[in-house]
Amino acid sequence: MSNRIPAERPVIEGEDEGHERRSYVIGLVLALALTTGAFAVVWLDLLSGVAALAGLGLLALIQAVVHLRYFLHIDLQRSHRDDLLLILFTVLILLIMVSGTIWILYDQHVRMMP
């Protein structure tokens, strides 16, 4: 007789569906709250100028993390790290492209000034 410990207990199908549904509901509530917060900052003039841009940027960053975690199910577990690395690499490439474009356009603007 072997004294092996099972790696993990079998997941009951209804239990897994309940966990996934709960994850989606939590993500939906957080996404709606963050979206409402962003609209409130602009509509009610809660912040102005650079503070408004920084606040909206922070809300957008949190919103992206909520979407990655609750809707795409990407977290820091070892099985999902490859997906996370692909997304981070894509973001890096997009940042390089956008910042390079802005730099080139600004340089062209400066050169065309009389």
PDB file of N, CA and C in Angstrom:
ATOM      1  N   MET A   1       0.839  -1.170   0.000  1.00  0.00           N
ATOM      2  CA  MET A   1       0.000   0.000   0.000  1.00  0.00           C
ATOM      3  C   MET A   1       0.888   1.238   0.000  1.00  0.00           C
ATOM      4  N   SER A   2       0.550   2.148  -0.805  1.00  0.00           N
ATOM      5  CA  SER A   2       1.351   3.348  -0.973  1.00  0.00           C
ATOM      6  C   SER A   2       0.824   4.463  -0.077  1.00  0.00           C
ATOM      7  N   ASN A   3       1.730   5.291   0.438  1.00  0.00           N
ATOM      8  CA  ASN A   3       1.361   6.425   1.295  1.00  0.00           C
ATOM      9  C   ASN A   3       1.449   7.734   0.522  1.00  0.00           C
ATOM     10  N   ARG A   4       1.059   7.697  -0.723  1.00  0.00           N
ATOM     11  CA  ARG A   4       1.126   8.901  -1.530  1.00  0.00           C
ATOM     12  C   ARG A   4      -0.017   9.839  -1.170  1.00  0.00           C
ATOM     13  N   ILE A   5       0.309  11.127  -1.195  1.00  0.00           N
ATOM     14  CA  ILE A   5      -0.696  12.154  -0.943  1.00  0.00           C
ATOM     15  C   ILE A   5      -1.143  12.671  -2.311  1.00  0.00           C
ATOM     16  N   PRO A   6      -2.447  12.744  -2.565  1.00  0.00           N
ATOM     17  CA  PRO A   6      -2.882  13.254  -3.868  1.00  0.00           C
ATOM     18  C   PRO A   6      -2.433  14.692  -4.073  1.00  0.00           C
ATOM     19  N   ALA A   7      -2.069  15.007  -5.291  1.00  0.00           N
ATOM     20  CA  ALA A   7      -1.559  16.346  -5.600  1.00  0.00           C
ATOM     21  C   ALA A   7      -2.591  17.419  -5.286  1.00  0.00           C
ATOM     22  N   GLU A   8      -3.803  17.197  -5.680  1.00  0.00           N
ATOM     23  CA  GLU A   8      -4.871  18.133  -5.349  1.00  0.00           C
ATOM     24  C   GLU A   8      -6.180  17.381  -5.458  1.00  0.00           C
ATOM     25  N   ARG A   9      -7.126  17.831  -4.693  1.00  0.00           N
ATOM     26  CA  ARG A   9      -8.402  17.127  -4.724  1.00  0.00           C
ATOM     27  C   ARG A   9      -9.130  17.485  -6.003  1.00  0.00           C
ATOM     28  N   PRO A  10      -9.946  16.575  -6.520  1.00  0.00           N
ATOM     29  CA  PRO A  10     -10.666  16.888  -7.762  1.00  0.00           C
ATOM     30  C   PRO A  10     -11.633  18.043  -7.560  1.00  0.00           C
ATOM     31  N   VAL A  11     -11.708  18.886  -8.566  1.00  0.00           N
ATOM     32  CA  VAL A  11     -12.577  20.052  -8.492  1.00  0.00           C
ATOM     33  C   VAL A  11     -13.968  19.652  -8.961  1.00  0.00           C
ATOM     34  N   ILE A  12     -14.956  19.978  -8.164  1.00  0.00           N
ATOM     35  CA  ILE A  12     -16.333  19.714  -8.533  1.00  0.00           C
ATOM     36  C   ILE A  12     -16.746  20.777  -9.535  1.00  0.00           C
ATOM     37  N   GLU A  13     -17.453  20.376 -10.600  1.00  0.00           N
ATOM     38  CA  GLU A  13     -17.749  21.306 -11.690  1.00  0.00           C
ATOM     39  C   GLU A  13     -18.553  22.517 -11.239  1.00  0.00           C
ATOM     40  N   GLY A  14     -19.558  22.337 -10.418  1.00  0.00           N
ATOM     41  CA  GLY A  14     -20.363  23.451  -9.937  1.00  0.00           C
ATOM     42  C   GLY A  14     -19.562  24.393  -9.068  1.00  0.00           C
ATOM     43  N   GLU A  15     -18.624  23.845  -8.311  1.00  0.00           N
ATOM     44  CA  GLU A  15     -17.766  24.662  -7.446  1.00  0.00           C
ATOM     45  C   GLU A  15     -16.885  25.577  -8.280  1.00  0.00           C
ATOM     46  N   ASP A  16     -16.343  25.051  -9.389  1.00  0.00           N
ATOM     47  CA  ASP A  16     -15.484  25.843 -10.262  1.00  0.00           C
ATOM     48  C   ASP A  16     -16.289  26.935 -10.965  1.00  0.00           C
ATOM     49  N   GLU A  17     -17.500  26.620 -11.410  1.00  0.00           N
ATOM     50  CA  GLU A  17     -18.347  27.618 -12.042  1.00  0.00           C
ATOM     51  C   GLU A  17     -18.707  28.739 -11.076  1.00  0.00           C
ATOM     52  N   GLY A  18     -18.995  28.394  -9.823  1.00  0.00           N
ATOM     53  CA  GLY A  18     -19.323  29.407  -8.822  1.00  0.00           C
ATOM     54  C   GLY A  18     -18.163  30.339  -8.565  1.00  0.00           C
ATOM     55  N   HIS A  19     -16.956  29.776  -8.505  1.00  0.00           N
ATOM     56  CA  HIS A  19     -15.759  30.599  -8.283  1.00  0.00           C
ATOM     57  C   HIS A  19     -15.537  31.539  -9.469  1.00  0.00           C
ATOM     58  N   GLU A  20     -15.719  31.022 -10.694  1.00  0.00           N
ATOM     59  CA  GLU A  20     -15.521  31.854 -11.879  1.00  0.00           C
ATOM     60  C   GLU A  20     -16.589  32.946 -11.962  1.00  0.00           C
ATOM     61  N   ARG A  21     -17.831  32.608 -11.657  1.00  0.00           N
ATOM     62  CA  ARG A  21     -18.905  33.602 -11.691  1.00  0.00           C
ATOM     63  C   ARG A  21     -18.654  34.689 -10.651  1.00  0.00           C
ATOM     64  N   ARG A  22     -18.192  34.295  -9.457  1.00  0.00           N
ATOM     65  CA  ARG A  22     -17.879  35.263  -8.403  1.00  0.00           C
ATOM     66  C   ARG A  22     -16.754  36.191  -8.853  1.00  0.00           C
ATOM     67  N   SER A  23     -15.782  35.645  -9.558  1.00  0.00           N
ATOM     68  CA  SER A  23     -14.677  36.456 -10.063  1.00  0.00           C
ATOM     69  C   SER A  23     -15.182  37.487 -11.069  1.00  0.00           C
ATOM     70  N   TYR A  24     -16.068  37.069 -11.961  1.00  0.00           N
ATOM     71  CA  TYR A  24     -16.617  38.003 -12.938  1.00  0.00           C
ATOM     72  C   TYR A  24     -17.453  39.093 -12.284  1.00  0.00           C
ATOM     73  N   VAL A  25     -18.227  38.736 -11.281  1.00  0.00           N
ATOM     74  CA  VAL A  25     -19.068  39.732 -10.606  1.00  0.00           C
ATOM     75  C   VAL A  25     -18.200  40.748  -9.869  1.00  0.00           C
ATOM     76  N   ILE A  26     -17.168  40.272  -9.177  1.00  0.00           N
ATOM     77  CA  ILE A  26     -16.254  41.185  -8.482  1.00  0.00           C
ATOM     78  C   ILE A  26     -15.580  42.119  -9.490  1.00  0.00           C
ATOM     79  N   GLY A  27     -15.123  41.565 -10.618  1.00  0.00           N
ATOM     80  CA  GLY A  27     -14.497  42.385 -11.652  1.00  0.00           C
ATOM     81  C   GLY A  27     -15.452  43.408 -12.230  1.00  0.00           C
ATOM     82  N   LEU A  28     -16.705  43.001 -12.442  1.00  0.00           N
ATOM     83  CA  LEU A  28     -17.690  43.930 -12.980  1.00  0.00           C
ATOM     84  C   LEU A  28     -17.955  45.083 -12.020  1.00  0.00           C
ATOM     85  N   VAL A  29     -18.102  44.766 -10.736  1.00  0.00           N
ATOM     86  CA  VAL A  29     -18.366  45.807  -9.739  1.00  0.00           C
ATOM     87  C   VAL A  29     -17.178  46.767  -9.651  1.00  0.00           C
ATOM     88  N   LEU A  30     -15.968  46.227  -9.623  1.00  0.00           N
ATOM     89  CA  LEU A  30     -14.781  47.088  -9.562  1.00  0.00           C
ATOM     90  C   LEU A  30     -14.645  47.949 -10.825  1.00  0.00           C
ATOM     91  N   ALA A  31     -14.883  47.347 -12.000  1.00  0.00           N
ATOM     92  CA  ALA A  31     -14.776  48.108 -13.247  1.00  0.00           C
ATOM     93  C   ALA A  31     -15.811  49.227 -13.298  1.00  0.00           C
ATOM     94  N   LEU A  32     -17.028  48.926 -12.873  1.00  0.00           N
ATOM     95  CA  LEU A  32     -18.064  49.968 -12.857  1.00  0.00           C
ATOM     96  C   LEU A  32     -17.727  51.081 -11.868  1.00  0.00           C
ATOM     97  N   ALA A  33     -17.203  50.711 -10.703  1.00  0.00           N
ATOM     98  CA  ALA A  33     -16.835  51.713  -9.700  1.00  0.00           C
ATOM     99  C   ALA A  33     -15.700  52.606 -10.219  1.00  0.00           C
ATOM    100  N   LEU A  34     -14.698  52.006 -10.863  1.00  0.00           N
ATOM    101  CA  LEU A  34     -13.585  52.796 -11.393  1.00  0.00           C
ATOM    102  C   LEU A  34     -14.031  53.690 -12.538  1.00  0.00           C
ATOM    103  N   THR A  35     -14.898  53.187 -13.406  1.00  0.00           N
ATOM    104  CA  THR A  35     -15.409  53.995 -14.505  1.00  0.00           C
ATOM    105  C   THR A  35     -16.245  55.151 -13.977  1.00  0.00           C
ATOM    106  N   THR A  36     -17.093  54.869 -12.998  1.00  0.00           N
ATOM    107  CA  THR A  36     -17.902  55.920 -12.387  1.00  0.00           C
ATOM    108  C   THR A  36     -17.007  56.952 -11.709  1.00  0.00           C
ATOM    109  N   GLY A  37     -15.950  56.489 -11.060  1.00  0.00           N
ATOM    110  CA  GLY A  37     -15.006  57.413 -10.424  1.00  0.00           C
ATOM    111  C   GLY A  37     -14.330  58.332 -11.433  1.00  0.00           C
ATOM    112  N   ALA A  38     -13.956  57.777 -12.591  1.00  0.00           N
ATOM    113  CA  ALA A  38     -13.322  58.596 -13.628  1.00  0.00           C
ATOM    114  C   ALA A  38     -14.299  59.643 -14.164  1.00  0.00           C
ATOM    115  N   PHE A  39     -15.539  59.222 -14.409  1.00  0.00           N
ATOM    116  CA  PHE A  39     -16.530  60.184 -14.880  1.00  0.00           C
ATOM    117  C   PHE A  39     -16.813  61.239 -13.816  1.00  0.00           C
ATOM    118  N   ALA A  40     -16.832  60.850 -12.555  1.00  0.00           N
ATOM    119  CA  ALA A  40     -17.097  61.800 -11.469  1.00  0.00           C
ATOM    120  C   ALA A  40     -15.983  62.839 -11.362  1.00  0.00           C
ATOM    121  N   VAL A  41     -14.744  62.406 -11.545  1.00  0.00           N
ATOM    122  CA  VAL A  41     -13.616  63.346 -11.479  1.00  0.00           C
ATOM    123  C   VAL A  41     -13.768  64.434 -12.534  1.00  0.00           C
ATOM    124  N   VAL A  42     -14.184  64.036 -13.742  1.00  0.00           N
ATOM    125  CA  VAL A  42     -14.312  65.018 -14.827  1.00  0.00           C
ATOM    126  C   VAL A  42     -15.601  65.820 -14.701  1.00  0.00           C
ATOM    127  N   TRP A  43     -16.707  65.142 -14.478  1.00  0.00           N
ATOM    128  CA  TRP A  43     -18.007  65.808 -14.509  1.00  0.00           C
ATOM    129  C   TRP A  43     -18.211  66.757 -13.329  1.00  0.00           C
ATOM    130  N   LEU A  44     -17.767  66.334 -12.150  1.00  0.00           N
ATOM    131  CA  LEU A  44     -17.955  67.146 -10.949  1.00  0.00           C
ATOM    132  C   LEU A  44     -16.783  68.072 -10.657  1.00  0.00           C
ATOM    133  N   ASP A  45     -15.794  68.096 -11.530  1.00  0.00           N
ATOM    134  CA  ASP A  45     -14.585  68.914 -11.349  1.00  0.00           C
ATOM    135  C   ASP A  45     -13.948  68.687  -9.977  1.00  0.00           C
ATOM    136  N   LEU A  46     -13.798  67.403  -9.607  1.00  0.00           N
ATOM    137  CA  LEU A  46     -13.184  67.077  -8.323  1.00  0.00           C
ATOM    138  C   LEU A  46     -11.701  67.419  -8.312  1.00  0.00           C
ATOM    139  N   LEU A  47     -11.043  67.260  -9.453  1.00  0.00           N
ATOM    140  CA  LEU A  47      -9.631  67.607  -9.599  1.00  0.00           C
ATOM    141  C   LEU A  47      -9.498  68.478 -10.845  1.00  0.00           C
ATOM    142  N   SER A  48      -8.430  69.239 -10.906  1.00  0.00           N
ATOM    143  CA  SER A  48      -8.234  70.071 -12.094  1.00  0.00           C
ATOM    144  C   SER A  48      -6.775  70.036 -12.519  1.00  0.00           C
ATOM    145  N   GLY A  49      -6.544  70.297 -13.783  1.00  0.00           N
ATOM    146  CA  GLY A  49      -5.189  70.390 -14.317  1.00  0.00           C
ATOM    147  C   GLY A  49      -4.431  69.088 -14.267  1.00  0.00           C
ATOM    148  N   VAL A  50      -3.195  69.187 -13.810  1.00  0.00           N
ATOM    149  CA  VAL A  50      -2.304  68.029 -13.760  1.00  0.00           C
ATOM    150  C   VAL A  50      -2.817  66.980 -12.769  1.00  0.00           C
ATOM    151  N   ALA A  51      -3.434  67.423 -11.689  1.00  0.00           N
ATOM    152  CA  ALA A  51      -3.976  66.482 -10.704  1.00  0.00           C
ATOM    153  C   ALA A  51      -5.079  65.628 -11.325  1.00  0.00           C
ATOM    154  N   ALA A  52      -5.899  66.229 -12.180  1.00  0.00           N
ATOM    155  CA  ALA A  52      -6.963  65.469 -12.854  1.00  0.00           C
ATOM    156  C   ALA A  52      -6.357  64.439 -13.802  1.00  0.00           C
ATOM    157  N   LEU A  53      -5.342  64.838 -14.557  1.00  0.00           N
ATOM    158  CA  LEU A  53      -4.690  63.892 -15.460  1.00  0.00           C
ATOM    159  C   LEU A  53      -4.039  62.755 -14.695  1.00  0.00           C
ATOM    160  N   ALA A  54      -3.371  63.076 -13.592  1.00  0.00           N
ATOM    161  CA  ALA A  54      -2.734  62.037 -12.789  1.00  0.00           C
ATOM    162  C   ALA A  54      -3.782  61.105 -12.176  1.00  0.00           C
ATOM    163  N   GLY A  55      -4.867  61.668 -11.670  1.00  0.00           N
ATOM    164  CA  GLY A  55      -5.928  60.847 -11.090  1.00  0.00           C
ATOM    165  C   GLY A  55      -6.579  59.934 -12.113  1.00  0.00           C
ATOM    166  N   LEU A  56      -6.854  60.480 -13.294  1.00  0.00           N
ATOM    167  CA  LEU A  56      -7.453  59.665 -14.352  1.00  0.00           C
ATOM    168  C   LEU A  56      -6.485  58.592 -14.844  1.00  0.00           C
ATOM    169  N   GLY A  57      -5.207  58.928 -14.905  1.00  0.00           N
ATOM    170  CA  GLY A  57      -4.207  57.931 -15.288  1.00  0.00           C
ATOM    171  C   GLY A  57      -4.117  56.802 -14.282  1.00  0.00           C
ATOM    172  N   LEU A  58      -4.180  57.150 -12.997  1.00  0.00           N
ATOM    173  CA  LEU A  58      -4.147  56.136 -11.950  1.00  0.00           C
ATOM    174  C   LEU A  58      -5.390  55.242 -12.008  1.00  0.00           C
ATOM    175  N   LEU A  59      -6.551  55.862 -12.204  1.00  0.00           N
ATOM    176  CA  LEU A  59      -7.781  55.074 -12.339  1.00  0.00           C
ATOM    177  C   LEU A  59      -7.715  54.152 -13.556  1.00  0.00           C
ATOM    178  N   ALA A  60      -7.143  54.631 -14.652  1.00  0.00           N
ATOM    179  CA  ALA A  60      -7.005  53.804 -15.855  1.00  0.00           C
ATOM    180  C   ALA A  60      -6.066  52.630 -15.612  1.00  0.00           C
ATOM    181  N   LEU A  61      -4.970  52.871 -14.893  1.00  0.00           N
ATOM    182  CA  LEU A  61      -4.031  51.793 -14.584  1.00  0.00           C
ATOM    183  C   LEU A  61      -4.679  50.733 -13.697  1.00  0.00           C
ATOM    184  N   ILE A  62      -5.405  51.167 -12.686  1.00  0.00           N
ATOM    185  CA  ILE A  62      -6.114  50.228 -11.812  1.00  0.00           C
ATOM    186  C   ILE A  62      -7.164  49.462 -12.607  1.00  0.00           C
ATOM    187  N   GLN A  63      -7.843  50.154 -13.511  1.00  0.00           N
ATOM    188  CA  GLN A  63      -8.851  49.511 -14.362  1.00  0.00           C
ATOM    189  C   GLN A  63      -8.216  48.407 -15.212  1.00  0.00           C
ATOM    190  N   ALA A  64      -7.035  48.668 -15.770  1.00  0.00           N
ATOM    191  CA  ALA A  64      -6.337  47.663 -16.576  1.00  0.00           C
ATOM    192  C   ALA A  64      -5.969  46.449 -15.734  1.00  0.00           C
ATOM    193  N   VAL A  65      -5.509  46.675 -14.512  1.00  0.00           N
ATOM    194  CA  VAL A  65      -5.164  45.566 -13.618  1.00  0.00           C
ATOM    195  C   VAL A  65      -6.408  44.755 -13.266  1.00  0.00           C
ATOM    196  N   VAL A  66      -7.527  45.424 -13.027  1.00  0.00           N
ATOM    197  CA  VAL A  66      -8.782  44.710 -12.727  1.00  0.00           C
ATOM    198  C   VAL A  66      -9.178  43.835 -13.912  1.00  0.00           C
ATOM    199  N   HIS A  67      -9.064  44.361 -15.115  1.00  0.00           N
ATOM    200  CA  HIS A  67      -9.427  43.567 -16.289  1.00  0.00           C
ATOM    201  C   HIS A  67      -8.504  42.367 -16.458  1.00  0.00           C
ATOM    202  N   LEU A  68      -7.206  42.578 -16.248  1.00  0.00           N
ATOM    203  CA  LEU A  68      -6.270  41.462 -16.369  1.00  0.00           C
ATOM    204  C   LEU A  68      -6.556  40.383 -15.331  1.00  0.00           C
ATOM    205  N   ARG A  69      -6.847  40.787 -14.114  1.00  0.00           N
ATOM    206  CA  ARG A  69      -7.035  39.824 -13.031  1.00  0.00           C
ATOM    207  C   ARG A  69      -8.388  39.126 -13.080  1.00  0.00           C
ATOM    208  N   TYR A  70      -9.455  39.881 -13.213  1.00  0.00           N
ATOM    209  CA  TYR A  70     -10.785  39.301 -13.045  1.00  0.00           C
ATOM    210  C   TYR A  70     -11.419  38.821 -14.347  1.00  0.00           C
ATOM    211  N   PHE A  71     -11.066  39.379 -15.482  1.00  0.00           N
ATOM    212  CA  PHE A  71     -11.689  38.955 -16.732  1.00  0.00           C
ATOM    213  C   PHE A  71     -10.776  38.063 -17.559  1.00  0.00           C
ATOM    214  N   LEU A  72      -9.473  38.368 -17.588  1.00  0.00           N
ATOM    215  CA  LEU A  72      -8.532  37.530 -18.325  1.00  0.00           C
ATOM    216  C   LEU A  72      -7.892  36.467 -17.441  1.00  0.00           C
ATOM    217  N   HIS A  73      -8.135  36.521 -16.141  1.00  0.00           N
ATOM    218  CA  HIS A  73      -7.635  35.547 -15.153  1.00  0.00           C
ATOM    219  C   HIS A  73      -6.117  35.424 -15.200  1.00  0.00           C
ATOM    220  N   ILE A  74      -5.440  36.554 -15.322  1.00  0.00           N
ATOM    221  CA  ILE A  74      -3.979  36.555 -15.311  1.00  0.00           C
ATOM    222  C   ILE A  74      -3.531  37.073 -13.954  1.00  0.00           C
ATOM    223  N   ASP A  75      -2.806  36.237 -13.234  1.00  0.00           N
ATOM    224  CA  ASP A  75      -2.294  36.626 -11.930  1.00  0.00           C
ATOM    225  C   ASP A  75      -0.830  36.221 -11.849  1.00  0.00           C
ATOM    226  N   LEU A  76      -0.287  36.178 -10.666  1.00  0.00           N
ATOM    227  CA  LEU A  76       1.139  35.898 -10.509  1.00  0.00           C
ATOM    228  C   LEU A  76       1.444  34.424 -10.268  1.00  0.00           C
ATOM    229  N   GLN A  77       0.474  33.541 -10.492  1.00  0.00           N
ATOM    230  CA  GLN A  77       0.750  32.117 -10.361  1.00  0.00           C
ATOM    231  C   GLN A  77       1.698  31.690 -11.466  1.00  0.00           C
ATOM    232  N   ARG A  78       2.458  30.660 -11.198  1.00  0.00           N
ATOM    233  CA  ARG A  78       3.478  30.212 -12.146  1.00  0.00           C
ATOM    234  C   ARG A  78       2.871  29.842 -13.504  1.00  0.00           C
ATOM    235  N   SER A  79       1.684  29.271 -13.513  1.00  0.00           N
ATOM    236  CA  SER A  79       1.082  28.842 -14.777  1.00  0.00           C
ATOM    237  C   SER A  79       0.657  30.019 -15.648  1.00  0.00           C
ATOM    238  N   HIS A  80       0.480  31.190 -15.086  1.00  0.00           N
ATOM    239  CA  HIS A  80       0.026  32.347 -15.844  1.00  0.00           C
ATOM    240  C   HIS A  80       1.140  33.354 -16.110  1.00  0.00           C
ATOM    241  N   ARG A  81       2.338  33.082 -15.666  1.00  0.00           N
ATOM    242  CA  ARG A  81       3.423  34.060 -15.831  1.00  0.00           C
ATOM    243  C   ARG A  81       3.794  34.269 -17.286  1.00  0.00           C
ATOM    244  N   ASP A  82       3.698  33.229 -18.097  1.00  0.00           N
ATOM    245  CA  ASP A  82       4.017  33.404 -19.515  1.00  0.00           C
ATOM    246  C   ASP A  82       3.049  34.383 -20.170  1.00  0.00           C
ATOM    247  N   ASP A  83       1.764  34.257 -19.844  1.00  0.00           N
ATOM    248  CA  ASP A  83       0.774  35.190 -20.389  1.00  0.00           C
ATOM    249  C   ASP A  83       1.072  36.611 -19.923  1.00  0.00           C
ATOM    250  N   LEU A  84       1.409  36.757 -18.654  1.00  0.00           N
ATOM    251  CA  LEU A  84       1.713  38.079 -18.118  1.00  0.00           C
ATOM    252  C   LEU A  84       2.941  38.678 -18.795  1.00  0.00           C
ATOM    253  N   LEU A  85       3.962  37.863 -19.029  1.00  0.00           N
ATOM    254  CA  LEU A  85       5.160  38.360 -19.706  1.00  0.00           C
ATOM    255  C   LEU A  85       4.851  38.795 -21.135  1.00  0.00           C
ATOM    256  N   LEU A  86       3.997  38.051 -21.832  1.00  0.00           N
ATOM    257  CA  LEU A  86       3.611  38.450 -23.183  1.00  0.00           C
ATOM    258  C   LEU A  86       2.876  39.785 -23.178  1.00  0.00           C
ATOM    259  N   ILE A  87       1.993  39.973 -22.222  1.00  0.00           N
ATOM    260  CA  ILE A  87       1.257  41.228 -22.139  1.00  0.00           C
ATOM    261  C   ILE A  87       2.195  42.379 -21.793  1.00  0.00           C
ATOM    262  N   LEU A  88       3.104  42.163 -20.856  1.00  0.00           N
ATOM    263  CA  LEU A  88       4.052  43.215 -20.494  1.00  0.00           C
ATOM    264  C   LEU A  88       4.971  43.571 -21.652  1.00  0.00           C
ATOM    265  N   PHE A  89       5.393  42.570 -22.428  1.00  0.00           N
ATOM    266  CA  PHE A  89       6.231  42.835 -23.598  1.00  0.00           C
ATOM    267  C   PHE A  89       5.455  43.640 -24.636  1.00  0.00           C
ATOM    268  N   THR A  90       4.193  43.298 -24.838  1.00  0.00           N
ATOM    269  CA  THR A  90       3.354  44.048 -25.775  1.00  0.00           C
ATOM    270  C   THR A  90       3.208  45.497 -25.334  1.00  0.00           C
ATOM    271  N   VAL A  91       2.997  45.709 -24.035  1.00  0.00           N
ATOM    272  CA  VAL A  91       2.883  47.070 -23.501  1.00  0.00           C
ATOM    273  C   VAL A  91       4.190  47.829 -23.710  1.00  0.00           C
ATOM    274  N   LEU A  92       5.313  47.176 -23.493  1.00  0.00           N
ATOM    275  CA  LEU A  92       6.614  47.810 -23.710  1.00  0.00           C
ATOM    276  C   LEU A  92       6.784  48.240 -25.160  1.00  0.00           C
ATOM    277  N   ILE A  93       6.452  47.361 -26.084  1.00  0.00           N
ATOM    278  CA  ILE A  93       6.577  47.690 -27.510  1.00  0.00           C
ATOM    279  C   ILE A  93       5.664  48.864 -27.865  1.00  0.00           C
ATOM    280  N   LEU A  94       4.427  48.854 -27.344  1.00  0.00           N
ATOM    281  CA  LEU A  94       3.502  49.963 -27.615  1.00  0.00           C
ATOM    282  C   LEU A  94       4.015  51.272 -27.033  1.00  0.00           C
ATOM    283  N   LEU A  95       4.580  51.231 -25.826  1.00  0.00           N
ATOM    284  CA  LEU A  95       5.133  52.446 -25.229  1.00  0.00           C
ATOM    285  C   LEU A  95       6.300  52.991 -26.052  1.00  0.00           C
ATOM    286  N   ILE A  96       7.141  52.101 -26.541  1.00  0.00           N
ATOM    287  CA  ILE A  96       8.264  52.536 -27.376  1.00  0.00           C
ATOM    288  C   ILE A  96       7.752  53.181 -28.655  1.00  0.00           C
ATOM    289  N   MET A  97       6.741  52.577 -29.277  1.00  0.00           N
ATOM    290  CA  MET A  97       6.199  53.126 -30.522  1.00  0.00           C
ATOM    291  C   MET A  97       5.524  54.478 -30.294  1.00  0.00           C
ATOM    292  N   VAL A  98       4.719  54.581 -29.255  1.00  0.00           N
ATOM    293  CA  VAL A  98       4.004  55.832 -28.992  1.00  0.00           C
ATOM    294  C   VAL A  98       4.979  56.935 -28.595  1.00  0.00           C
ATOM    295  N   SER A  99       5.904  56.635 -27.684  1.00  0.00           N
ATOM    296  CA  SER A  99       6.849  57.673 -27.256  1.00  0.00           C
ATOM    297  C   SER A  99       7.764  58.083 -28.400  1.00  0.00           C
ATOM    298  N   GLY A 100       8.165  57.150 -29.241  1.00  0.00           N
ATOM    299  CA  GLY A 100       8.987  57.498 -30.400  1.00  0.00           C
ATOM    300  C   GLY A 100       8.239  58.375 -31.378  1.00  0.00           C
ATOM    301  N   THR A 101       6.960  58.076 -31.589  1.00  0.00           N
ATOM    302  CA  THR A 101       6.149  58.893 -32.483  1.00  0.00           C
ATOM    303  C   THR A 101       5.993  60.310 -31.941  1.00  0.00           C
ATOM    304  N   ILE A 102       5.709  60.422 -30.662  1.00  0.00           N
ATOM    305  CA  ILE A 102       5.569  61.743 -30.044  1.00  0.00           C
ATOM    306  C   ILE A 102       6.883  62.522 -30.134  1.00  0.00           C
ATOM    307  N   TRP A 103       7.993  61.848 -29.897  1.00  0.00           N
ATOM    308  CA  TRP A 103       9.304  62.488 -29.970  1.00  0.00           C
ATOM    309  C   TRP A 103       9.568  63.014 -31.385  1.00  0.00           C
ATOM    310  N   ILE A 104       9.303  62.194 -32.384  1.00  0.00           N
ATOM    311  CA  ILE A 104       9.534  62.604 -33.769  1.00  0.00           C
ATOM    312  C   ILE A 104       8.627  63.772 -34.147  1.00  0.00           C
ATOM    313  N   LEU A 105       7.355  63.685 -33.772  1.00  0.00           N
ATOM    314  CA  LEU A 105       6.431  64.770 -34.102  1.00  0.00           C
ATOM    315  C   LEU A 105       6.818  66.068 -33.393  1.00  0.00           C
ATOM    316  N   TYR A 106       7.254  65.984 -32.157  1.00  0.00           N
ATOM    317  CA  TYR A 106       7.688  67.187 -31.442  1.00  0.00           C
ATOM    318  C   TYR A 106       8.927  67.778 -32.106  1.00  0.00           C
ATOM    319  N   ASP A 107       9.860  66.913 -32.485  1.00  0.00           N
ATOM    320  CA  ASP A 107      11.075  67.392 -33.138  1.00  0.00           C
ATOM    321  C   ASP A 107      10.738  68.083 -34.463  1.00  0.00           C
ATOM    322  N   GLN A 108       9.808  67.513 -35.214  1.00  0.00           N
ATOM    323  CA  GLN A 108       9.385  68.138 -36.464  1.00  0.00           C
ATOM    324  C   GLN A 108       8.706  69.477 -36.212  1.00  0.00           C
ATOM    325  N   HIS A 109       7.918  69.549 -35.157  1.00  0.00           N
ATOM    326  CA  HIS A 109       7.249  70.797 -34.796  1.00  0.00           C
ATOM    327  C   HIS A 109       8.275  71.880 -34.458  1.00  0.00           C
ATOM    328  N   VAL A 110       9.285  71.540 -33.684  1.00  0.00           N
ATOM    329  CA  VAL A 110      10.317  72.501 -33.296  1.00  0.00           C
ATOM    330  C   VAL A 110      11.088  72.984 -34.522  1.00  0.00           C
ATOM    331  N   ARG A 111      11.391  72.090 -35.448  1.00  0.00           N
ATOM    332  CA  ARG A 111      12.167  72.456 -36.644  1.00  0.00           C
ATOM    333  C   ARG A 111      11.384  73.347 -37.587  1.00  0.00           C
ATOM    334  N   MET A 112      10.050  73.256 -37.552  1.00  0.00           N
ATOM    335  CA  MET A 112       9.253  74.059 -38.468  1.00  0.00           C
ATOM    336  C   MET A 112       8.875  75.422 -37.894  1.00  0.00           C
ATOM    337  N   MET A 113       9.230  75.678 -36.648  1.00  0.00           N
ATOM    338  CA  MET A 113       8.969  76.982 -36.051  1.00  0.00           C
ATOM    339  C   MET A 113       9.897  78.008 -36.693  1.00  0.00           C
ATOM    340  N   PRO A 114       9.391  79.233 -36.995  1.00  0.00           N
ATOM    341  CA  PRO A 114      10.252  80.231 -37.662  1.00  0.00           C
ATOM    342  C   PRO A 114      11.327  80.772 -36.752  1.00  0.00           C
TER     343      PRO A 114
END
